Amino acid sequence: MKILYVALKEALPGSHGGAVHVLEVTQQLARRGHQITVVVQQKAGQLEREQLDGLDLIRLPTRSNFLLWQLEPQLRELIVEKKPDVVMERYYNFAGAGVRAAQRANIPSLLEVNAPMLDPRGSKKYAADKLTFGWMTRMAREQAALAKRIVTPLAATVPFPELRDKVREIAWGANVELFDRARLAEKEIGDLRLEINPLGKRVVGFLGSFRSWHGVREFVQVAENILQTREDILFLMIGSGELLEETRENVARAGLQDKIILTGAVNYARVPYYLALCDVGVAPFNTTVHPPLRVGFYWSPLKVHEYMAMALPVVTIDVKGLNNIVREGQEGLLYPENDLEKMRAAILKLVDDAALAKRLGDAGRARVVENFSWQKHAELMEQVLKECVTSNRV
């Protein structure tokens, strides 16, 4: 198939979750023999068109993320030029130009939804919707109605009951080739270990965005508590975000800079080397501070999949959307959300029982390869794309 993939809020290349998702999905679809054109927004200094890892990449200049819906004319021109069989658009409140252009050209479209289409009461977008007399709700409903199929990790992200029959649930994945301990260069791992962990301590890792709902503060609290009595453990925090500087200040204030290591932003291709230093991977999400998560844990958590791909046992919260990926006592240990004492106990149990940690880690690697790889995601996505094309012919 010829697929026009529209993700106008994203810029490529990029290292955050959205950009990684776009690149992984499109690359895997291309590997399955499809001809992919990816349309993203253009940043300063970037070429308008280029080949990126086998993809036909087109960048459109944008005035504002709030005006992405106005790019429909440009997408209609691209449809005429590229003649796709199907248009696939990554949902954003202020987008929708892709599905609208497809509808005008009588081409089927698929809407990819990775967050609630409507934000809950108390959020800024909810307030904006009220101030505009429901304009955002109408925009969301229109995008969902125009698409032949909707793909999402959690059906509850689509709040329109009359459209639920077109929803298909597909989890995100991990790059099980990049995140594979057996493929990494041992010398590079050794050099990094000498730099970060020369004393050979047990390492507890945190990977991801430094945001409140990722549990950054909770992770540091538990780390500080454990370090009061344990000298044999090192905490490694990989990533950056809005709470990075606050975290640095708190760690420095506690005098723990040599025991809680903050890497800052790391090139995505280098992340597996940092995870290779870890013995445990922690995903201490705090859904209570992020209103959109009231609809359910809609994230298909990238960091958890990547821990598992690296054969790390996982410690995370016991909520739907996570406990069906990491099963208690099989691929990791679960604890009640915000119960920091039980998070602490789970971490120490894995740190102190290497045999248990290895068993859970190996099981996690096997599970993610079979069920949660980007290859599996693309296989399932391909089936839905074929549904779109077939249904349009009926």
Protein backbone atom coordinates (compact mmCIF):
# COMPACT_ATOMS: atom_id res chain seq x y z
CA MET A 1 0.00 0.00 0.00
CA LYS A 2 0.92 3.63 -0.44
CA ILE A 3 0.45 5.27 2.96
CA LEU A 4 0.48 9.00 3.70
CA TYR A 5 1.23 9.33 7.42
CA VAL A 6 0.40 12.78 8.84
CA ALA A 7 1.85 13.85 12.20
CA LEU A 8 1.93 17.63 12.01
CA LYS A 9 2.59 18.23 15.71
CA GLU A 10 5.80 16.19 15.51
CA ALA A 11 9.23 17.02 14.14
CA LEU A 12 11.69 14.43 12.86
CA PRO A 13 14.22 13.38 13.84
CA GLY A 14 13.39 13.63 17.55
CA SER A 15 13.99 11.78 20.82
CA HIS A 16 10.76 12.21 22.80
CA GLY A 17 7.99 9.61 22.86
CA GLY A 18 5.85 11.05 20.06
CA ALA A 19 8.73 11.36 17.60
CA VAL A 20 10.01 7.88 18.47
CA HIS A 21 6.53 6.47 17.93
CA VAL A 22 6.13 8.09 14.50
CA LEU A 23 9.53 6.91 13.31
CA GLU A 24 9.20 3.36 14.64
CA VAL A 25 5.69 2.80 13.25
CA THR A 26 6.50 4.15 9.80
CA GLN A 27 9.83 2.31 9.57
CA GLN A 28 8.23 -0.99 10.50
CA LEU A 29 5.41 -0.49 7.99
CA ALA A 30 8.05 0.28 5.34
CA ARG A 31 9.86 -2.95 6.25
CA ARG A 32 6.63 -4.79 5.55
CA GLY A 33 6.79 -3.55 1.97
CA HIS A 34 4.60 -0.45 2.11
CA GLN A 35 5.53 2.86 0.49
CA ILE A 36 5.46 5.48 3.25
CA THR A 37 5.35 9.25 3.01
CA VAL A 38 5.61 10.96 6.41
CA VAL A 39 4.38 14.54 6.80
CA VAL A 40 5.59 16.43 9.88
CA GLN A 41 6.22 20.05 10.83
CA GLN A 42 9.32 21.89 9.70
CA LYS A 43 11.74 23.33 12.24
CA ALA A 44 14.31 26.04 11.55
CA GLY A 45 17.16 24.84 9.36
CA GLN A 46 15.47 21.60 8.28
CA LEU A 47 15.06 20.58 4.66
CA GLU A 48 11.54 20.57 3.27
CA ARG A 49 12.02 17.12 1.74
CA GLU A 50 14.51 14.33 2.33
CA GLN A 51 14.89 10.60 2.70
CA LEU A 52 15.15 9.52 6.34
CA ASP A 53 15.90 5.88 7.12
CA GLY A 54 14.09 4.73 3.99
CA LEU A 55 11.10 7.03 4.47
CA ASP A 56 9.94 9.81 2.15
CA LEU A 57 9.89 12.70 4.63
CA ILE A 58 8.03 15.95 3.92
CA ARG A 59 8.12 18.88 6.34
CA LEU A 60 5.50 21.62 6.24
CA PRO A 61 6.05 25.05 7.79
CA THR A 62 3.55 25.76 10.56
CA ARG A 63 2.57 29.05 12.19
CA SER A 64 1.30 27.50 15.40
CA ASN A 65 0.29 24.10 16.77
CA PHE A 66 -3.13 25.64 17.37
CA LEU A 67 -3.57 26.16 13.62
CA LEU A 68 -2.52 22.78 12.23
CA TRP A 69 -6.06 22.20 10.97
CA GLN A 70 -5.47 24.98 8.44
CA LEU A 71 -2.94 22.87 6.51
CA GLU A 72 -5.63 20.90 4.68
CA PRO A 73 -4.91 22.56 1.27
CA GLN A 74 -1.26 21.49 1.41
CA LEU A 75 -2.27 17.94 2.28
CA ARG A 76 -4.79 17.84 -0.55
CA GLU A 77 -1.93 18.76 -2.91
CA LEU A 78 0.22 15.98 -1.44
CA ILE A 79 -2.59 13.47 -1.97
CA VAL A 80 -2.74 14.45 -5.64
CA GLU A 81 1.05 14.12 -5.89
CA LYS A 82 1.56 10.90 -3.91
CA LYS A 83 -1.72 9.11 -4.75
CA PRO A 84 -1.90 7.18 -1.44
CA ASP A 85 -4.23 4.25 -0.87
CA VAL A 86 -4.86 5.42 2.68
CA VAL A 87 -4.11 8.43 4.89
CA MET A 88 -3.08 7.83 8.49
CA GLU A 89 -3.14 10.79 10.88
CA ARG A 90 -1.78 11.07 14.41
CA TYR A 91 -4.54 12.74 16.41
CA TYR A 92 -4.10 16.17 17.94
CA ASN A 93 -6.85 18.48 19.18
CA PHE A 94 -5.97 21.21 16.68
CA ALA A 95 -5.10 18.97 13.73
CA GLY A 96 -7.39 16.89 11.50
CA ALA A 97 -6.18 18.27 8.17
CA GLY A 98 -5.18 14.77 7.06
CA VAL A 99 -8.52 13.04 7.57
CA ARG A 100 -10.37 16.01 6.05
CA ALA A 101 -8.15 16.04 2.97
CA ALA A 102 -8.62 12.28 2.61
CA GLN A 103 -12.39 12.60 2.83
CA ARG A 104 -12.44 15.24 0.08
CA ALA A 105 -10.32 12.96 -2.12
CA ASN A 106 -12.53 9.94 -1.33
CA ILE A 107 -9.55 8.13 0.21
CA PRO A 108 -9.96 6.12 3.43
CA SER A 109 -8.25 7.37 6.55
CA LEU A 110 -7.13 5.95 9.88
CA LEU A 111 -6.92 8.10 13.01
CA GLU A 112 -4.19 7.18 15.49
CA VAL A 113 -5.19 8.30 19.00
CA ASN A 114 -2.56 8.18 21.75
CA ALA A 115 -4.23 10.38 24.38
CA PRO A 116 -7.81 11.27 25.35
CA MET A 117 -9.52 13.04 22.47
CA LEU A 118 -11.26 15.28 24.99
CA ASP A 119 -9.45 16.51 28.09
CA PRO A 120 -11.26 16.14 31.44
CA ARG A 121 -12.79 18.78 33.67
CA GLY A 122 -10.10 20.82 35.39
CA SER A 123 -7.63 20.78 32.49
CA LYS A 124 -6.63 23.84 30.45
CA LYS A 125 -8.01 22.34 27.25
CA TYR A 126 -11.34 21.64 28.96
CA ALA A 127 -11.53 25.31 29.94
CA ALA A 128 -10.59 26.36 26.39
CA ASP A 129 -13.34 24.15 24.99
CA LYS A 130 -15.90 25.82 27.25
CA LEU A 131 -14.69 29.30 26.30
CA THR A 132 -15.07 28.43 22.60
CA PHE A 133 -18.56 26.95 23.09
CA GLY A 134 -17.46 23.37 22.44
CA TRP A 135 -15.33 24.05 19.35
CA MET A 136 -12.66 21.52 20.42
CA THR A 137 -15.29 18.86 21.06
CA ARG A 138 -16.72 19.42 17.58
CA MET A 139 -13.21 19.21 16.07
CA ALA A 140 -12.53 15.93 17.86
CA ARG A 141 -15.86 14.41 16.91
CA GLU A 142 -15.38 15.41 13.27
CA GLN A 143 -11.93 13.79 13.09
CA ALA A 144 -13.25 10.58 14.65
CA ALA A 145 -16.31 10.53 12.39
CA LEU A 146 -14.33 11.05 9.18
CA ALA A 147 -11.85 8.24 9.87
CA LYS A 148 -12.71 4.74 8.68
CA ARG A 149 -10.89 3.25 11.68
CA ILE A 150 -9.42 4.56 14.94
CA VAL A 151 -6.38 2.92 16.54
CA THR A 152 -5.58 3.56 20.21
CA PRO A 153 -3.93 1.77 23.15
CA LEU A 154 -7.14 2.29 25.19
CA ALA A 155 -10.67 2.48 23.74
CA ALA A 156 -11.75 4.89 26.49
CA THR A 157 -9.65 7.63 24.84
CA VAL A 158 -12.43 7.88 22.22
CA PRO A 159 -15.37 9.43 24.12
CA PHE A 160 -18.01 9.02 21.41
CA PRO A 161 -20.05 5.83 22.02
CA GLU A 162 -21.65 5.93 18.59
CA LEU A 163 -18.19 5.57 17.00
CA ARG A 164 -16.79 2.79 19.19
CA ASP A 165 -17.37 0.12 16.51
CA LYS A 166 -14.54 1.60 14.45
CA VAL A 167 -12.05 1.58 17.36
CA ARG A 168 -9.22 -0.98 17.44
CA GLU A 169 -6.92 -1.30 20.47
CA ILE A 170 -3.22 -1.77 19.66
CA ALA A 171 -0.40 -1.35 22.20
CA TRP A 172 2.75 0.59 21.50
CA GLY A 173 6.00 -1.34 21.38
CA ALA A 174 9.73 -1.39 21.91
CA ASN A 175 12.56 -1.53 19.42
CA VAL A 176 13.63 -5.04 20.38
CA GLU A 177 16.63 -4.88 18.06
CA LEU A 178 18.05 -1.62 19.43
CA PHE A 179 17.14 -2.56 23.02
CA ASP A 180 18.88 -5.93 23.03
CA ARG A 181 21.68 -6.50 25.54
CA ALA A 182 23.24 -9.19 23.34
CA ARG A 183 23.76 -6.74 20.44
CA LEU A 184 25.57 -4.04 22.41
CA ALA A 185 29.32 -3.47 22.26
CA GLU A 186 30.84 -4.76 25.50
CA LYS A 187 33.69 -2.25 25.42
CA GLU A 188 31.27 0.68 25.29
CA ILE A 189 29.29 -0.77 28.19
CA GLY A 190 32.51 -1.24 30.15
CA ASP A 191 33.69 2.31 29.48
CA LEU A 192 30.34 3.73 30.55
CA ARG A 193 30.34 1.57 33.69
CA LEU A 194 33.78 2.88 34.67
CA GLU A 195 32.48 6.42 34.25
CA ILE A 196 29.19 6.01 36.14
CA ASN A 197 29.57 3.02 38.44
CA PRO A 198 33.28 2.33 39.04
CA LEU A 199 32.58 0.66 42.40
CA GLY A 200 30.30 -1.96 40.84
CA LYS A 201 27.22 -1.19 42.90
CA ARG A 202 23.76 -2.57 42.14
CA VAL A 203 22.00 -0.06 39.89
CA VAL A 204 18.34 0.97 40.00
CA GLY A 205 17.29 2.80 36.84
CA PHE A 206 14.67 5.39 35.91
CA LEU A 207 14.19 6.23 32.23
CA GLY A 208 11.94 8.86 30.73
CA SER A 209 10.59 12.38 30.94
CA PHE A 210 11.16 14.33 34.13
CA ARG A 211 7.51 15.18 34.65
CA SER A 212 5.33 14.89 37.71
CA TRP A 213 3.11 12.09 36.39
CA HIS A 214 6.17 10.00 35.53
CA GLY A 215 6.84 9.78 39.26
CA VAL A 216 10.16 11.63 39.30
CA ARG A 217 9.64 13.08 42.78
CA GLU A 218 8.47 9.74 44.18
CA PHE A 219 11.50 7.95 42.72
CA VAL A 220 13.89 10.42 44.35
CA GLN A 221 12.09 10.16 47.70
CA VAL A 222 12.43 6.39 47.70
CA ALA A 223 16.05 6.59 46.56
CA GLU A 224 16.91 8.98 49.40
CA ASN A 225 15.21 6.67 51.88
CA ILE A 226 17.05 3.58 50.67
CA LEU A 227 20.40 5.37 50.64
CA GLN A 228 20.08 6.14 54.34
CA THR A 229 20.96 2.52 55.07
CA ARG A 230 22.42 1.10 51.84
CA GLU A 231 25.84 1.99 50.45
CA ASP A 232 25.81 -0.75 47.81
CA ILE A 233 23.11 0.76 45.56
CA LEU A 234 23.35 3.44 42.88
CA PHE A 235 20.33 5.20 41.37
CA LEU A 236 20.61 6.17 37.70
CA MET A 237 18.09 8.62 36.22
CA ILE A 238 18.18 8.78 32.42
CA GLY A 239 16.41 11.60 30.59
CA SER A 240 15.36 15.21 30.92
CA GLY A 241 12.26 17.37 31.22
CA GLU A 242 10.63 20.17 33.15
CA LEU A 243 11.57 18.74 36.57
CA LEU A 244 15.22 18.02 35.78
CA GLU A 245 16.64 21.16 37.41
CA GLU A 246 14.39 20.79 40.44
CA THR A 247 15.60 17.20 40.77
CA ARG A 248 19.26 18.25 40.49
CA GLU A 249 18.74 20.83 43.23
CA ASN A 250 17.02 18.34 45.54
CA VAL A 251 19.71 15.71 45.02
CA ALA A 252 22.46 18.28 45.63
CA ARG A 253 20.70 19.58 48.74
CA ALA A 254 20.69 16.03 50.11
CA GLY A 255 24.38 15.61 49.23
CA LEU A 256 23.67 12.57 47.05
CA GLN A 257 25.13 13.66 43.69
CA ASP A 258 27.44 10.63 43.63
CA LYS A 259 24.65 8.19 44.55
CA ILE A 260 21.76 9.49 42.43
CA ILE A 261 23.21 10.10 38.98
CA LEU A 262 21.30 12.31 36.53
CA THR A 263 22.43 11.92 32.94
CA GLY A 264 20.32 14.66 31.36
CA ALA A 265 19.16 14.17 27.77
CA VAL A 266 20.68 11.11 26.09
CA ASN A 267 20.73 10.33 22.37
CA TYR A 268 18.10 7.65 21.79
CA ALA A 269 20.59 5.22 20.23
CA ARG A 270 22.71 5.48 23.40
CA VAL A 271 19.88 4.76 25.85
CA PRO A 272 20.35 0.95 25.71
CA TYR A 273 23.94 1.35 26.92
CA TYR A 274 22.76 3.21 30.01
CA LEU A 275 20.07 0.60 30.66
CA ALA A 276 22.73 -2.10 30.31
CA LEU A 277 24.26 -0.73 33.53
CA CYS A 278 21.00 -1.28 35.44
CA ASP A 279 19.80 -4.25 37.46
CA VAL A 280 16.22 -3.02 37.93
CA GLY A 281 13.99 -0.64 35.92
CA VAL A 282 11.43 1.47 37.80
CA ALA A 283 8.34 3.14 36.29
CA PRO A 284 6.78 4.95 39.29
CA PHE A 285 3.89 6.65 37.48
CA ASN A 286 1.64 8.99 39.45
CA THR A 287 -1.64 9.24 37.56
CA THR A 288 -3.29 11.40 40.25
CA VAL A 289 -1.41 14.54 39.14
CA HIS A 290 -2.34 14.25 35.45
CA PRO A 291 -6.08 14.83 34.84
CA PRO A 292 -6.21 13.17 31.37
CA LEU A 293 -5.32 9.85 33.01
CA ARG A 294 -8.71 9.85 34.73
CA VAL A 295 -10.06 8.05 31.65
CA GLY A 296 -7.59 5.21 32.33
CA PHE A 297 -3.90 4.53 31.81
CA TYR A 298 -3.95 5.24 28.09
CA TRP A 299 -0.17 5.39 27.73
CA SER A 300 1.31 2.33 26.14
CA PRO A 301 4.43 2.93 28.25
CA LEU A 302 7.59 3.12 26.17
CA LYS A 303 9.97 2.97 29.14
CA VAL A 304 8.38 -0.22 30.47
CA HIS A 305 8.65 -1.93 27.09
CA GLU A 306 12.28 -0.84 26.79
CA TYR A 307 13.15 -2.10 30.28
CA MET A 308 11.64 -5.44 29.35
CA ALA A 309 13.43 -5.55 26.00
CA MET A 310 16.71 -5.07 27.91
CA ALA A 311 15.78 -8.01 30.18
CA LEU A 312 15.39 -5.79 33.25
CA PRO A 313 12.86 -6.76 35.92
CA VAL A 314 10.32 -3.95 36.24
CA VAL A 315 8.89 -2.24 39.31
CA THR A 316 5.74 -0.27 38.50
CA ILE A 317 2.26 0.60 39.75
CA ASP A 318 -0.57 -1.92 39.84
CA VAL A 319 -3.11 -0.35 37.47
CA LYS A 320 -4.92 -1.52 34.36
CA GLY A 321 -2.83 -0.73 31.32
CA LEU A 322 0.36 -1.69 33.14
CA ASN A 323 -0.53 -4.86 35.02
CA ASN A 324 -1.52 -6.53 31.76
CA ILE A 325 2.00 -5.84 30.41
CA VAL A 326 4.06 -6.43 33.55
CA ARG A 327 2.43 -9.26 35.47
CA GLU A 328 3.08 -9.55 39.19
CA GLY A 329 5.83 -12.06 39.88
CA GLN A 330 6.26 -12.90 36.19
CA GLU A 331 8.01 -9.94 34.54
CA GLY A 332 8.28 -7.66 37.54
CA LEU A 333 6.82 -6.53 40.85
CA LEU A 334 3.80 -4.26 41.22
CA TYR A 335 2.82 -1.94 44.05
CA PRO A 336 -0.25 0.20 44.84
CA GLU A 337 0.08 3.62 43.26
CA ASN A 338 1.72 6.21 45.57
CA ASP A 339 2.58 3.58 48.20
CA LEU A 340 6.23 4.53 48.49
CA GLU A 341 7.00 1.99 51.19
CA LYS A 342 5.88 -0.84 48.92
CA MET A 343 7.79 0.65 46.00
CA ARG A 344 10.87 0.65 48.25
CA ALA A 345 10.27 -2.97 49.26
CA ALA A 346 9.86 -4.10 45.64
CA ILE A 347 13.10 -2.41 44.58
CA LEU A 348 15.07 -3.93 47.44
CA LYS A 349 13.61 -7.38 46.84
CA LEU A 350 14.96 -7.37 43.28
CA VAL A 351 18.26 -5.77 44.24
CA ASP A 352 18.87 -8.42 46.90
CA ASP A 353 17.69 -11.45 44.91
CA ALA A 354 19.74 -11.62 41.71
CA ALA A 355 18.24 -14.96 40.69
CA LEU A 356 14.69 -13.59 40.94
CA ALA A 357 15.70 -10.45 39.06
CA LYS A 358 17.21 -12.51 36.24
CA ARG A 359 14.19 -14.79 35.98
CA LEU A 360 11.76 -11.88 35.76
CA GLY A 361 14.02 -9.97 33.38
CA ASP A 362 14.41 -12.89 30.99
CA ALA A 363 10.65 -13.47 31.04
CA GLY A 364 10.09 -9.79 30.30
CA ARG A 365 12.38 -9.89 27.28
CA ALA A 366 10.54 -12.92 25.89
CA ARG A 367 7.15 -11.32 26.50
CA VAL A 368 7.95 -7.99 24.86
CA VAL A 369 9.51 -9.65 21.80
CA GLU A 370 6.41 -11.78 21.30
CA ASN A 371 3.70 -9.26 22.14
CA PHE A 372 4.95 -5.68 22.42
CA SER A 373 7.54 -5.06 19.72
CA TRP A 374 7.18 -2.39 17.05
CA GLN A 375 7.20 -5.26 14.56
CA LYS A 376 4.09 -6.69 16.22
CA HIS A 377 2.53 -3.23 16.36
CA ALA A 378 3.10 -2.74 12.63
CA GLU A 379 1.68 -6.18 11.85
CA LEU A 380 -1.55 -5.33 13.68
CA MET A 381 -1.62 -1.81 12.23
CA GLU A 382 -1.30 -3.25 8.73
CA GLN A 383 -4.43 -5.34 9.30
CA VAL A 384 -6.41 -2.24 10.29
CA LEU A 385 -5.09 -0.25 7.33
CA LYS A 386 -6.24 -3.04 5.03
CA GLU A 387 -9.67 -2.87 6.71
CA CYS A 388 -9.80 0.83 5.86
CA VAL A 389 -8.98 0.27 2.21
CA THR A 390 -11.36 -2.67 1.86
CA SER A 391 -14.25 -0.91 3.58
CA ASN A 392 -13.84 2.09 1.29
CA ARG A 393 -14.40 -0.13 -1.74
CA VAL A 394 -17.67 -1.54 -0.43
